[in-house]
C-alpha atoms as a PDB file:
ATOM      1  CA  UNK A   1     -22.839 -25.221  18.585  1.00  0.00           C
ATOM      2  CA  UNK A   2     -20.848 -28.055  17.279  1.00  0.00           C
ATOM      3  CA  UNK A   3     -23.595 -30.603  17.752  1.00  0.00           C
ATOM      4  CA  UNK A   4     -26.343 -28.777  16.072  1.00  0.00           C
ATOM      5  CA  UNK A   5     -28.026 -30.105  13.174  1.00  0.00           C
ATOM      6  CA  UNK A   6     -28.320 -28.628   9.820  1.00  0.00           C
ATOM      7  CA  UNK A   7     -32.311 -27.826  10.589  1.00  0.00           C
ATOM      8  CA  UNK A   8     -31.457 -26.264  14.146  1.00  0.00           C
ATOM      9  CA  UNK A   9     -28.971 -24.118  12.398  1.00  0.00           C
ATOM     10  CA  UNK A  10     -31.207 -22.976   9.717  1.00  0.00           C
ATOM     11  CA  UNK A  11     -33.645 -22.331  12.219  1.00  0.00           C
ATOM     12  CA  UNK A  12     -31.675 -20.376  14.579  1.00  0.00           C
ATOM     13  CA  UNK A  13     -30.128 -18.532  11.735  1.00  0.00           C
ATOM     14  CA  UNK A  14     -34.075 -17.451  10.529  1.00  0.00           C
ATOM     15  CA  UNK A  15     -34.700 -16.283  13.986  1.00  0.00           C
ATOM     16  CA  UNK A  16     -31.720 -13.966  14.184  1.00  0.00           C
ATOM     17  CA  UNK A  17     -32.611 -12.772  10.821  1.00  0.00           C
ATOM     18  CA  UNK A  18     -36.454 -12.145  12.024  1.00  0.00           C
ATOM     19  CA  UNK A  19     -35.326 -10.271  15.308  1.00  0.00           C
ATOM     20  CA  UNK A  20     -33.619  -7.645  13.095  1.00  0.00           C
ATOM     21  CA  UNK A  21     -35.162  -4.473  12.329  1.00  0.00           C
ATOM     22  CA  UNK A  22     -35.229  -3.675   8.523  1.00  0.00           C
ATOM     23  CA  UNK A  23     -32.001  -2.392   7.503  1.00  0.00           C
ATOM     24  CA  UNK A  24     -30.637  -2.925  10.723  1.00  0.00           C
ATOM     25  CA  UNK A  25     -26.609  -3.383  10.462  1.00  0.00           C
ATOM     26  CA  UNK A  26     -24.851  -6.380  12.925  1.00  0.00           C
ATOM     27  CA  UNK A  27     -21.351  -6.892  13.190  1.00  0.00           C
ATOM     28  CA  UNK A  28     -19.203  -9.470  14.936  1.00  0.00           C
ATOM     29  CA  UNK A  29     -19.919  -7.692  18.266  1.00  0.00           C
ATOM     30  CA  UNK A  30     -23.364  -9.013  18.002  1.00  0.00           C
ATOM     31  CA  UNK A  31     -24.098 -12.725  18.780  1.00  0.00           C
ATOM     32  CA  UNK A  32     -26.931 -12.595  16.036  1.00  0.00           C
ATOM     33  CA  UNK A  33     -23.790 -12.154  13.626  1.00  0.00           C
ATOM     34  CA  UNK A  34     -22.124 -15.732  14.289  1.00  0.00           C
ATOM     35  CA  UNK A  35     -25.594 -17.355  14.493  1.00  0.00           C
ATOM     36  CA  UNK A  36     -26.583 -16.194  10.783  1.00  0.00           C
ATOM     37  CA  UNK A  37     -22.470 -16.845   9.946  1.00  0.00           C
ATOM     38  CA  UNK A  38     -22.481 -20.427  11.461  1.00  0.00           C
ATOM     39  CA  UNK A  39     -25.098 -21.212   9.094  1.00  0.00           C
ATOM     40  CA  UNK A  40     -24.825 -18.906   5.940  1.00  0.00           C
ATOM     41  CA  UNK A  41     -21.157 -20.317   5.460  1.00  0.00           C
ATOM     42  CA  UNK A  42     -22.643 -23.556   4.457  1.00  0.00           C
ATOM     43  CA  UNK A  43     -24.364 -21.591   1.401  1.00  0.00           C
ATOM     44  CA  UNK A  44     -22.681 -23.185  -1.908  1.00  0.00           C
ATOM     45  CA  UNK A  45     -22.418 -19.687  -3.109  1.00  0.00           C
ATOM     46  CA  UNK A  46     -20.754 -18.163   0.358  1.00  0.00           C
ATOM     47  CA  UNK A  47     -17.240 -18.237  -1.193  1.00  0.00           C
ATOM     48  CA  UNK A  48     -18.513 -16.132  -4.240  1.00  0.00           C
ATOM     49  CA  UNK A  49     -20.807 -13.843  -2.487  1.00  0.00           C
ATOM     50  CA  UNK A  50     -17.875 -12.935   0.366  1.00  0.00           C
ATOM     51  CA  UNK A  51     -14.759 -13.065  -1.972  1.00  0.00           C
ATOM     52  CA  UNK A  52     -14.568  -8.834  -1.394  1.00  0.00           C
ATOM     53  CA  UNK A  53     -14.795  -9.484   2.556  1.00  0.00           C
ATOM     54  CA  UNK A  54     -17.503 -10.057   5.019  1.00  0.00           C
ATOM     55  CA  UNK A  55     -17.940  -6.913   7.588  1.00  0.00           C
ATOM     56  CA  UNK A  56     -21.546  -7.818   8.793  1.00  0.00           C
ATOM     57  CA  UNK A  57     -25.451  -8.630   8.050  1.00  0.00           C
ATOM     58  CA  UNK A  58     -28.379  -6.611   7.586  1.00  0.00           C
ATOM     59  CA  UNK A  59     -32.038  -7.298   6.800  1.00  0.00           C
ATOM     60  CA  UNK A  60     -33.631  -5.936   3.678  1.00  0.00           C
ATOM     61  CA  UNK A  61     -36.805  -5.659   1.758  1.00  0.00           C
ATOM     62  CA  UNK A  62     -37.253  -7.683  -1.211  1.00  0.00           C
ATOM     63  CA  UNK A  63     -40.229  -6.600  -3.954  1.00  0.00           C
ATOM     64  CA  UNK A  64     -42.821  -4.336  -3.254  1.00  0.00           C
ATOM     65  CA  UNK A  65     -45.701  -6.689  -2.018  1.00  0.00           C
ATOM     66  CA  UNK A  66     -45.702  -8.918   1.388  1.00  0.00           C
ATOM     67  CA  UNK A  67     -45.265  -7.762   5.256  1.00  0.00           C
ATOM     68  CA  UNK A  68     -42.635 -10.626   5.468  1.00  0.00           C
ATOM     69  CA  UNK A  69     -40.992 -10.046   2.255  1.00  0.00           C
ATOM     70  CA  UNK A  70     -37.363  -9.830   3.749  1.00  0.00           C
ATOM     71  CA  UNK A  71     -34.084 -11.008   2.657  1.00  0.00           C
ATOM     72  CA  UNK A  72     -30.538 -11.280   4.424  1.00  0.00           C
ATOM     73  CA  UNK A  73     -27.779  -9.159   3.002  1.00  0.00           C
ATOM     74  CA  UNK A  74     -24.044  -9.651   3.528  1.00  0.00           C
ATOM     75  CA  UNK A  75     -22.178  -6.261   4.107  1.00  0.00           C
ATOM     76  CA  UNK A  76     -19.000  -6.571   2.314  1.00  0.00           C
ATOM     77  CA  UNK A  77     -15.711  -4.480   2.873  1.00  0.00           C
ATOM     78  CA  UNK A  78     -16.537  -1.998   0.498  1.00  0.00           C
ATOM     79  CA  UNK A  79     -19.989  -1.667   2.444  1.00  0.00           C
ATOM     80  CA  UNK A  80     -22.039  -3.006  -0.647  1.00  0.00           C
ATOM     81  CA  UNK A  81     -24.701  -4.817   0.058  1.00  0.00           C
ATOM     82  CA  UNK A  82     -25.517  -8.539  -1.520  1.00  0.00           C
ATOM     83  CA  UNK A  83     -28.373 -10.480  -0.988  1.00  0.00           C
ATOM     84  CA  UNK A  84     -28.085 -14.383   0.234  1.00  0.00           C
ATOM     85  CA  UNK A  85     -30.870 -16.456   0.554  1.00  0.00           C
ATOM     86  CA  UNK A  86     -31.251 -18.678   3.766  1.00  0.00           C
ATOM     87  CA  UNK A  87     -33.287 -21.019   1.483  1.00  0.00           C
ATOM     88  CA  UNK A  88     -30.917 -23.826   0.628  1.00  0.00           C
ATOM     89  CA  UNK A  89     -30.544 -27.429   1.065  1.00  0.00           C
ATOM     90  CA  UNK A  90     -28.241 -29.443   2.903  1.00  0.00           C
ATOM     91  CA  UNK A  91     -27.004 -30.850  -0.550  1.00  0.00           C
ATOM     92  CA  UNK A  92     -25.232 -27.862  -0.998  1.00  0.00           C
ATOM     93  CA  UNK A  93     -22.885 -28.528   1.811  1.00  0.00           C
ATOM     94  CA  UNK A  94     -20.792 -30.723  -0.519  1.00  0.00           C
ATOM     95  CA  UNK A  95     -17.892 -27.732  -1.203  1.00  0.00           C
ATOM     96  CA  UNK A  96     -18.355 -26.394   2.388  1.00  0.00           C
ATOM     97  CA  UNK A  97     -17.249 -29.902   3.697  1.00  0.00           C
ATOM     98  CA  UNK A  98     -14.153 -30.248   1.206  1.00  0.00           C
ATOM     99  CA  UNK A  99     -13.104 -26.865   2.477  1.00  0.00           C
ATOM    100  CA  UNK A 100     -13.303 -28.204   5.999  1.00  0.00           C
ATOM    101  CA  UNK A 101     -11.110 -31.114   4.819  1.00  0.00           C
ATOM    102  CA  UNK A 102      -8.675 -28.757   3.381  1.00  0.00           C
ATOM    103  CA  UNK A 103      -8.511 -26.851   6.909  1.00  0.00           C
ATOM    104  CA  UNK A 104      -8.136 -30.135   8.849  1.00  0.00           C
ATOM    105  CA  UNK A 105      -5.166 -30.999   6.890  1.00  0.00           C
ATOM    106  CA  UNK A 106      -3.424 -28.091   7.845  1.00  0.00           C
ATOM    107  CA  UNK A 107      -4.752 -28.028  11.505  1.00  0.00           C
ATOM    108  CA  UNK A 108      -1.477 -29.297  13.308  1.00  0.00           C
ATOM    109  CA  UNK A 109       0.319 -26.106  11.490  1.00  0.00           C
ATOM    110  CA  UNK A 110      -2.231 -23.846  13.104  1.00  0.00           C
ATOM    111  CA  UNK A 111      -1.866 -25.559  16.387  1.00  0.00           C
ATOM    112  CA  UNK A 112       1.942 -25.416  16.341  1.00  0.00           C
ATOM    113  CA  UNK A 113       1.531 -21.881  15.572  1.00  0.00           C
ATOM    114  CA  UNK A 114      -0.700 -21.391  18.390  1.00  0.00           C
ATOM    115  CA  UNK A 115       2.012 -22.770  20.919  1.00  0.00           C
ATOM    116  CA  UNK A 116       4.073 -19.767  20.335  1.00  0.00           C
ATOM    117  CA  UNK A 117       1.202 -17.513  21.538  1.00  0.00           C
ATOM    118  CA  UNK A 118       2.037 -15.773  24.816  1.00  0.00           C
ATOM    119  CA  UNK A 119      -1.145 -14.270  26.772  1.00  0.00           C
ATOM    120  CA  UNK A 120      -0.734 -10.741  27.628  1.00  0.00           C
ATOM    121  CA  UNK A 121       2.383 -10.246  25.731  1.00  0.00           C
ATOM    122  CA  UNK A 122       1.916 -11.620  22.116  1.00  0.00           C
ATOM    123  CA  UNK A 123       0.931  -8.687  19.412  1.00  0.00           C
ATOM    124  CA  UNK A 124      -1.521  -8.761  17.276  1.00  0.00           C
ATOM    125  CA  UNK A 125       0.436  -8.362  13.671  1.00  0.00           C
ATOM    126  CA  UNK A 126      -2.333  -5.956  12.179  1.00  0.00           C
ATOM    127  CA  UNK A 127      -2.604  -3.523  14.853  1.00  0.00           C
ATOM    128  CA  UNK A 128       0.429  -3.770  17.035  1.00  0.00           C
ATOM    129  CA  UNK A 129      -1.635  -3.852  20.174  1.00  0.00           C
ATOM    130  CA  UNK A 130      -1.297  -6.867  22.825  1.00  0.00           C
ATOM    131  CA  UNK A 131      -3.854  -9.757  21.684  1.00  0.00           C
ATOM    132  CA  UNK A 132      -4.426 -10.433  25.851  1.00  0.00           C
ATOM    133  CA  UNK A 133      -6.384 -13.891  25.763  1.00  0.00           C
ATOM    134  CA  UNK A 134      -6.886 -17.130  23.949  1.00  0.00           C
ATOM    135  CA  UNK A 135     -10.136 -16.212  23.536  1.00  0.00           C
ATOM    136  CA  UNK A 136      -9.184 -13.014  21.238  1.00  0.00           C
ATOM    137  CA  UNK A 137      -6.454 -15.119  19.371  1.00  0.00           C
ATOM    138  CA  UNK A 138      -7.245 -15.508  15.564  1.00  0.00           C
ATOM    139  CA  UNK A 139      -4.263 -17.449  13.654  1.00  0.00           C
ATOM    140  CA  UNK A 140      -4.444 -15.515   9.999  1.00  0.00           C
ATOM    141  CA  UNK A 141      -3.167 -16.776   6.338  1.00  0.00           C
ATOM    142  CA  UNK A 142      -0.982 -13.514   5.491  1.00  0.00           C
ATOM    143  CA  UNK A 143       0.132 -13.021   1.717  1.00  0.00           C
ATOM    144  CA  UNK A 144      -2.282 -15.437   0.522  1.00  0.00           C
ATOM    145  CA  UNK A 145      -5.788 -16.350   2.126  1.00  0.00           C
ATOM    146  CA  UNK A 146      -6.472 -20.101   2.557  1.00  0.00           C
ATOM    147  CA  UNK A 147      -9.445 -20.178   0.120  1.00  0.00           C
ATOM    148  CA  UNK A 148      -6.662 -18.953  -2.518  1.00  0.00           C
ATOM    149  CA  UNK A 149      -4.045 -21.239  -1.479  1.00  0.00           C
ATOM    150  CA  UNK A 150      -6.997 -24.127  -2.121  1.00  0.00           C
ATOM    151  CA  UNK A 151      -7.890 -22.614  -5.353  1.00  0.00           C
ATOM    152  CA  UNK A 152      -4.330 -22.485  -6.627  1.00  0.00           C
ATOM    153  CA  UNK A 153      -3.935 -26.196  -5.284  1.00  0.00           C
ATOM    154  CA  UNK A 154      -7.020 -27.466  -7.264  1.00  0.00           C
ATOM    155  CA  UNK A 155      -5.665 -25.589 -10.442  1.00  0.00           C
ATOM    156  CA  UNK A 156      -2.386 -27.212 -10.286  1.00  0.00           C
ATOM    157  CA  UNK A 157      -3.765 -30.725 -10.020  1.00  0.00           C
ATOM    158  CA  UNK A 158      -6.647 -29.922 -12.804  1.00  0.00           C
ATOM    159  CA  UNK A 159      -9.469 -30.786 -10.373  1.00  0.00           C
ATOM    160  CA  UNK A 160     -12.607 -29.334  -8.962  1.00  0.00           C
ATOM    161  CA  UNK A 161     -13.516 -28.914  -5.527  1.00  0.00           C
ATOM    162  CA  UNK A 162     -16.157 -31.581  -5.860  1.00  0.00           C
ATOM    163  CA  UNK A 163     -13.882 -33.732  -7.665  1.00  0.00           C
ATOM    164  CA  UNK A 164     -11.668 -34.349  -4.409  1.00  0.00           C
ATOM    165  CA  UNK A 165     -12.833 -37.477  -2.332  1.00  0.00           C
ATOM    166  CA  UNK A 166     -13.070 -36.816   1.777  1.00  0.00           C
ATOM    167  CA  UNK A 167     -13.844 -38.880   4.573  1.00  0.00           C
ATOM    168  CA  UNK A 168     -15.829 -37.936   7.602  1.00  0.00           C
ATOM    169  CA  UNK A 169     -14.706 -39.474  10.629  1.00  0.00           C
ATOM    170  CA  UNK A 170     -16.993 -38.666  13.459  1.00  0.00           C
ATOM    171  CA  UNK A 171     -17.736 -34.900  13.265  1.00  0.00           C
ATOM    172  CA  UNK A 172     -14.595 -34.123  11.085  1.00  0.00           C
ATOM    173  CA  UNK A 173     -13.856 -34.005   7.498  1.00  0.00           C
ATOM    174  CA  UNK A 174     -10.343 -35.264   6.041  1.00  0.00           C
ATOM    175  CA  UNK A 175      -9.098 -35.226   2.695  1.00  0.00           C
ATOM    176  CA  UNK A 176      -8.840 -39.186   1.437  1.00  0.00           C
ATOM    177  CA  UNK A 177      -5.471 -40.258   0.540  1.00  0.00           C
ATOM    178  CA  UNK A 178      -2.185 -39.205   1.790  1.00  0.00           C
ATOM    179  CA  UNK A 179      -0.870 -38.064  -1.126  1.00  0.00           C
ATOM    180  CA  UNK A 180      -3.095 -35.289  -1.998  1.00  0.00           C
ATOM    181  CA  UNK A 181      -3.123 -34.332   1.732  1.00  0.00           C
ATOM    182  CA  UNK A 182       0.676 -34.056   2.198  1.00  0.00           C
ATOM    183  CA  UNK A 183       1.097 -31.988  -1.462  1.00  0.00           C
ATOM    184  CA  UNK A 184      -1.547 -29.601  -0.147  1.00  0.00           C
ATOM    185  CA  UNK A 185       0.095 -29.326   3.393  1.00  0.00           C
ATOM    186  CA  UNK A 186       3.602 -28.349   1.230  1.00  0.00           C
ATOM    187  CA  UNK A 187       1.694 -26.057  -1.138  1.00  0.00           C
ATOM    188  CA  UNK A 188       0.269 -24.601   2.124  1.00  0.00           C
ATOM    189  CA  UNK A 189       3.316 -23.770   3.822  1.00  0.00           C
ATOM    190  CA  UNK A 190       5.311 -22.691   0.859  1.00  0.00           C
ATOM    191  CA  UNK A 191       2.529 -20.082  -0.079  1.00  0.00           C
ATOM    192  CA  UNK A 192       1.529 -18.313   3.083  1.00  0.00           C
ATOM    193  CA  UNK A 193       2.865 -16.983   6.514  1.00  0.00           C
ATOM    194  CA  UNK A 194       0.696 -17.700   9.597  1.00  0.00           C
ATOM    195  CA  UNK A 195       0.560 -14.885  11.680  1.00  0.00           C
ATOM    196  CA  UNK A 196      -0.948 -13.864  15.375  1.00  0.00           C
ATOM    197  CA  UNK A 197      -4.064 -11.443  15.022  1.00  0.00           C
ATOM    198  CA  UNK A 198      -6.621 -10.228  17.508  1.00  0.00           C
ATOM    199  CA  UNK A 199     -10.236 -11.520  16.354  1.00  0.00           C
ATOM    200  CA  UNK A 200     -11.685  -8.037  16.304  1.00  0.00           C
ATOM    201  CA  UNK A 201      -8.961  -6.939  13.765  1.00  0.00           C
ATOM    202  CA  UNK A 202      -8.789 -10.153  11.734  1.00  0.00           C
ATOM    203  CA  UNK A 203     -12.424 -10.176  10.683  1.00  0.00           C
ATOM    204  CA  UNK A 204     -12.647  -6.496   9.757  1.00  0.00           C
ATOM    205  CA  UNK A 205      -9.526  -6.641   7.589  1.00  0.00           C
END
């Protein structure tokens, strides 16, 4: 999946949407949810449209005419439907790639936290239940969400998301320049607490 092209991701997402019945709801226990998510999170408006959370997806009818006039809709935390188009160009990925660079910057902190995890013993800090295996593990940003930390950092530095220079090394995006990267890591560590969660509860919070 990591090696899929933008075109293939889009094709798979559309196939998943086409397989849905009208108004059928899918959540993260359905493989089609992840197929759609993998592509739609590249959408330039994804952050804005999921600002109230993401519970799942559904297929809605747009307009009055045409047998294939359907659209994807996000189901937010309040069970409201928010239409989002699968028709966007690869050029819209710039902001998404910058966010990936921010995540790369703090990956060592995430990896350090994961080393503290003990299979079949560590508890989910949302449900209080045993997480079980590494496959169920999510490391969650508590107190301040990751996207909010990024927004706070950009505001402090008086720059926009697309102003920040990034480098692509292989398939990974990195913040260019040690100063910006180190400043962000420092702000990240000072403004959030990482916690262990079961992926089921983390994706539904």
